[in-house]
Amino acid sequence: MKKRVVSSLEFSIARTMPKGNAKSDTKPRGRMTAYAYFVQICREEHKKKHPEENVVFAEFSKKCAERWKTMSDKEKKRFHEMADVDKKRYEAEMKDYTPSENEKGKRGKKRKQMKDPNAPKRPLPAIFYILK
């Protein structure tokens, strides 16, 4: 059982680590929750059993949610360990990450567009003519 956990942890870490330099220009991917790992593994298991079947996400997520609710804490522990490892990965990447100039200005305050003072005014809506 422990070998399986370690191999899935290694798989998940390798999958989420960016390829290239440790100090990449792109922002690190967010960390995954235990439930997200659970859904990911459920999806992989479902694809192995039914490779040709198209999955309807709404139904699939409902079944996964029911399964997650009925799982014991011992069964969930595996996914929580995976989430903890991913959290450590994310925190380490965020320490090395410095946002570029383009990313700093993305969410800045937008300038208000200047109106031409000589432009004609828009006509009033019809309701104002009715109410006069």
C-alpha atoms as a PDB file:
ATOM      1  CA  MET A   1       0.000   0.000   0.000  1.00  0.00           C
ATOM      2  CA  LYS A   2       2.776   2.461   0.869  1.00  0.00           C
ATOM      3  CA  LYS A   3       4.581   1.824  -2.418  1.00  0.00           C
ATOM      4  CA  ARG A   4       1.430   2.810  -4.256  1.00  0.00           C
ATOM      5  CA  VAL A   5       1.143   6.041  -2.269  1.00  0.00           C
ATOM      6  CA  VAL A   6       4.770   6.962  -2.922  1.00  0.00           C
ATOM      7  CA  SER A   7       4.483   6.221  -6.627  1.00  0.00           C
ATOM      8  CA  SER A   8       1.308   8.277  -6.944  1.00  0.00           C
ATOM      9  CA  LEU A   9       2.957  11.100  -4.989  1.00  0.00           C
ATOM     10  CA  GLU A  10       5.938  11.038  -7.316  1.00  0.00           C
ATOM     11  CA  PHE A  11       3.615  10.960 -10.318  1.00  0.00           C
ATOM     12  CA  SER A  12       1.582  13.901  -9.101  1.00  0.00           C
ATOM     13  CA  ILE A  13       4.645  15.981  -8.269  1.00  0.00           C
ATOM     14  CA  ALA A  14       6.301  15.262 -11.589  1.00  0.00           C
ATOM     15  CA  ARG A  15       3.109  16.171 -13.387  1.00  0.00           C
ATOM     16  CA  THR A  16       2.707  19.528 -11.671  1.00  0.00           C
ATOM     17  CA  MET A  17       6.339  20.670 -11.716  1.00  0.00           C
ATOM     18  CA  PRO A  18       7.116  23.115 -14.522  1.00  0.00           C
ATOM     19  CA  LYS A  19       9.608  22.005 -17.130  1.00  0.00           C
ATOM     20  CA  GLY A  20      12.568  24.325 -17.410  1.00  0.00           C
ATOM     21  CA  ASN A  21      14.341  26.599 -14.986  1.00  0.00           C
ATOM     22  CA  ALA A  22      13.404  26.760 -11.333  1.00  0.00           C
ATOM     23  CA  LYS A  23      13.175  30.539 -11.684  1.00  0.00           C
ATOM     24  CA  SER A  24      10.630  30.561 -14.448  1.00  0.00           C
ATOM     25  CA  ASP A  25       8.943  33.720 -15.703  1.00  0.00           C
ATOM     26  CA  THR A  26       5.516  32.134 -15.492  1.00  0.00           C
ATOM     27  CA  LYS A  27       3.617  32.082 -12.237  1.00  0.00           C
ATOM     28  CA  PRO A  28       3.628  28.671 -10.493  1.00  0.00           C
ATOM     29  CA  ARG A  29       0.512  26.573 -10.824  1.00  0.00           C
ATOM     30  CA  GLY A  30      -1.774  26.697  -7.820  1.00  0.00           C
ATOM     31  CA  ARG A  31      -1.746  23.910  -5.306  1.00  0.00           C
ATOM     32  CA  MET A  32      -4.206  21.052  -5.590  1.00  0.00           C
ATOM     33  CA  THR A  33      -6.529  20.017  -2.790  1.00  0.00           C
ATOM     34  CA  ALA A  34      -7.003  16.481  -1.521  1.00  0.00           C
ATOM     35  CA  TYR A  35     -10.390  16.327  -3.231  1.00  0.00           C
ATOM     36  CA  ALA A  36      -8.859  17.450  -6.541  1.00  0.00           C
ATOM     37  CA  TYR A  37      -6.353  14.579  -6.342  1.00  0.00           C
ATOM     38  CA  PHE A  38      -9.194  12.197  -5.541  1.00  0.00           C
ATOM     39  CA  VAL A  39     -11.191  13.307  -8.594  1.00  0.00           C
ATOM     40  CA  GLN A  40      -8.078  13.081 -10.771  1.00  0.00           C
ATOM     41  CA  ILE A  41      -7.419   9.487  -9.703  1.00  0.00           C
ATOM     42  CA  CYS A  42     -11.116   8.572 -10.060  1.00  0.00           C
ATOM     43  CA  ARG A  43     -11.027   9.913 -13.599  1.00  0.00           C
ATOM     44  CA  GLU A  44      -7.897   7.889 -14.429  1.00  0.00           C
ATOM     45  CA  GLU A  45      -9.497   4.725 -13.010  1.00  0.00           C
ATOM     46  CA  HIS A  46     -12.677   5.381 -14.980  1.00  0.00           C
ATOM     47  CA  LYS A  47     -10.694   5.871 -18.203  1.00  0.00           C
ATOM     48  CA  LYS A  48      -8.873   2.569 -17.636  1.00  0.00           C
ATOM     49  CA  LYS A  49     -12.164   0.711 -17.159  1.00  0.00           C
ATOM     50  CA  HIS A  50     -14.084   2.511 -19.923  1.00  0.00           C
ATOM     51  CA  PRO A  51     -11.610   3.954 -22.474  1.00  0.00           C
ATOM     52  CA  GLU A  52     -14.205   4.553 -25.217  1.00  0.00           C
ATOM     53  CA  GLU A  53     -16.915   6.107 -23.059  1.00  0.00           C
ATOM     54  CA  ASN A  54     -17.460   9.868 -23.100  1.00  0.00           C
ATOM     55  CA  VAL A  55     -17.708  11.230 -19.568  1.00  0.00           C
ATOM     56  CA  VAL A  56     -20.430  13.718 -18.658  1.00  0.00           C
ATOM     57  CA  PHE A  57     -18.684  15.909 -16.110  1.00  0.00           C
ATOM     58  CA  ALA A  58     -21.793  16.788 -14.087  1.00  0.00           C
ATOM     59  CA  GLU A  59     -22.721  13.150 -13.463  1.00  0.00           C
ATOM     60  CA  PHE A  60     -19.129  12.115 -12.889  1.00  0.00           C
ATOM     61  CA  SER A  61     -18.509  14.866 -10.335  1.00  0.00           C
ATOM     62  CA  LYS A  62     -21.710  13.977  -8.453  1.00  0.00           C
ATOM     63  CA  LYS A  63     -20.609  10.349  -8.180  1.00  0.00           C
ATOM     64  CA  CYS A  64     -17.139  11.402  -7.046  1.00  0.00           C
ATOM     65  CA  ALA A  65     -18.615  13.755  -4.444  1.00  0.00           C
ATOM     66  CA  GLU A  66     -20.820  10.981  -3.052  1.00  0.00           C
ATOM     67  CA  ARG A  67     -17.851   8.630  -2.928  1.00  0.00           C
ATOM     68  CA  TRP A  68     -15.711  11.270  -1.183  1.00  0.00           C
ATOM     69  CA  LYS A  69     -18.376  11.870   1.469  1.00  0.00           C
ATOM     70  CA  THR A  70     -18.666   8.171   2.280  1.00  0.00           C
ATOM     71  CA  MET A  71     -14.899   7.600   2.519  1.00  0.00           C
ATOM     72  CA  SER A  72     -13.336   7.194   5.943  1.00  0.00           C
ATOM     73  CA  ASP A  73     -10.528   9.418   7.210  1.00  0.00           C
ATOM     74  CA  LYS A  74      -8.037   6.584   6.739  1.00  0.00           C
ATOM     75  CA  GLU A  75      -8.920   6.356   3.050  1.00  0.00           C
ATOM     76  CA  LYS A  76      -8.768  10.141   2.653  1.00  0.00           C
ATOM     77  CA  LYS A  77      -5.367  10.309   4.361  1.00  0.00           C
ATOM     78  CA  ARG A  78      -3.614   9.250   1.152  1.00  0.00           C
ATOM     79  CA  PHE A  79      -5.057  12.213  -0.733  1.00  0.00           C
ATOM     80  CA  HIS A  80      -4.344  14.633   2.103  1.00  0.00           C
ATOM     81  CA  GLU A  81      -0.686  13.529   2.029  1.00  0.00           C
ATOM     82  CA  MET A  82      -0.563  14.204  -1.700  1.00  0.00           C
ATOM     83  CA  ALA A  83      -2.076  17.652  -1.123  1.00  0.00           C
ATOM     84  CA  ASP A  84       0.479  18.425   1.606  1.00  0.00           C
ATOM     85  CA  VAL A  85       3.353  17.521  -0.724  1.00  0.00           C
ATOM     86  CA  ASP A  86       1.866  19.713  -3.439  1.00  0.00           C
ATOM     87  CA  LYS A  87       1.418  22.565  -0.946  1.00  0.00           C
ATOM     88  CA  LYS A  88       5.115  22.374  -0.063  1.00  0.00           C
ATOM     89  CA  ARG A  89       5.991  22.372  -3.771  1.00  0.00           C
ATOM     90  CA  TYR A  90       3.847  25.443  -4.356  1.00  0.00           C
ATOM     91  CA  GLU A  91       5.314  27.327  -1.399  1.00  0.00           C
ATOM     92  CA  ALA A  92       8.868  26.530  -2.562  1.00  0.00           C
ATOM     93  CA  GLU A  93       8.080  27.741  -6.084  1.00  0.00           C
ATOM     94  CA  MET A  94       6.478  30.926  -4.782  1.00  0.00           C
ATOM     95  CA  LYS A  95       9.639  31.741  -2.787  1.00  0.00           C
ATOM     96  CA  ASP A  96      11.670  31.627  -6.010  1.00  0.00           C
ATOM     97  CA  TYR A  97       9.044  33.445  -8.068  1.00  0.00           C
ATOM     98  CA  THR A  98       9.315  37.135  -8.787  1.00  0.00           C
ATOM     99  CA  PRO A  99       6.516  38.628 -10.893  1.00  0.00           C
ATOM    100  CA  SER A 100       7.557  40.277 -14.135  1.00  0.00           C
ATOM    101  CA  GLU A 101       6.702  43.865 -14.987  1.00  0.00           C
ATOM    102  CA  ASN A 102       3.855  42.739 -17.258  1.00  0.00           C
ATOM    103  CA  GLU A 103       2.185  40.739 -14.502  1.00  0.00           C
ATOM    104  CA  LYS A 104       2.445  43.550 -11.956  1.00  0.00           C
ATOM    105  CA  GLY A 105       0.483  45.940 -14.145  1.00  0.00           C
ATOM    106  CA  LYS A 106      -2.222  43.488 -15.180  1.00  0.00           C
ATOM    107  CA  ARG A 107      -4.619  44.271 -12.363  1.00  0.00           C
ATOM    108  CA  GLY A 108      -3.850  47.937 -12.036  1.00  0.00           C
ATOM    109  CA  LYS A 109      -6.442  50.669 -12.033  1.00  0.00           C
ATOM    110  CA  LYS A 110      -7.888  51.295 -15.480  1.00  0.00           C
ATOM    111  CA  ARG A 111      -7.796  54.836 -16.733  1.00  0.00           C
ATOM    112  CA  LYS A 112     -11.085  56.496 -17.412  1.00  0.00           C
ATOM    113  CA  GLN A 113     -11.504  57.230 -21.081  1.00  0.00           C
ATOM    114  CA  MET A 114     -11.627  60.951 -21.819  1.00  0.00           C
ATOM    115  CA  LYS A 115     -14.896  62.171 -23.368  1.00  0.00           C
ATOM    116  CA  ASP A 116     -14.905  64.693 -26.157  1.00  0.00           C
ATOM    117  CA  PRO A 117     -16.689  67.788 -24.766  1.00  0.00           C
ATOM    118  CA  ASN A 118     -17.930  68.738 -28.254  1.00  0.00           C
ATOM    119  CA  ALA A 119     -19.476  65.333 -29.004  1.00  0.00           C
ATOM    120  CA  PRO A 120     -23.286  65.272 -29.285  1.00  0.00           C
ATOM    121  CA  LYS A 121     -25.222  63.879 -26.338  1.00  0.00           C
ATOM    122  CA  ARG A 122     -27.047  60.577 -26.640  1.00  0.00           C
ATOM    123  CA  PRO A 123     -30.826  60.772 -27.055  1.00  0.00           C
ATOM    124  CA  LEU A 124     -33.078  60.096 -24.058  1.00  0.00           C
ATOM    125  CA  PRO A 125     -34.768  56.696 -23.751  1.00  0.00           C
ATOM    126  CA  ALA A 126     -38.369  56.493 -24.955  1.00  0.00           C
ATOM    127  CA  ILE A 127     -39.749  56.141 -21.425  1.00  0.00           C
ATOM    128  CA  PHE A 128     -38.669  59.702 -20.594  1.00  0.00           C
ATOM    129  CA  TYR A 129     -40.691  61.062 -23.534  1.00  0.00           C
ATOM    130  CA  ILE A 130     -43.732  59.096 -22.350  1.00  0.00           C
ATOM    131  CA  LEU A 131     -43.425  60.334 -18.761  1.00  0.00           C
ATOM    132  CA  LYS A 132     -43.182  64.052 -19.742  1.00  0.00           C
END
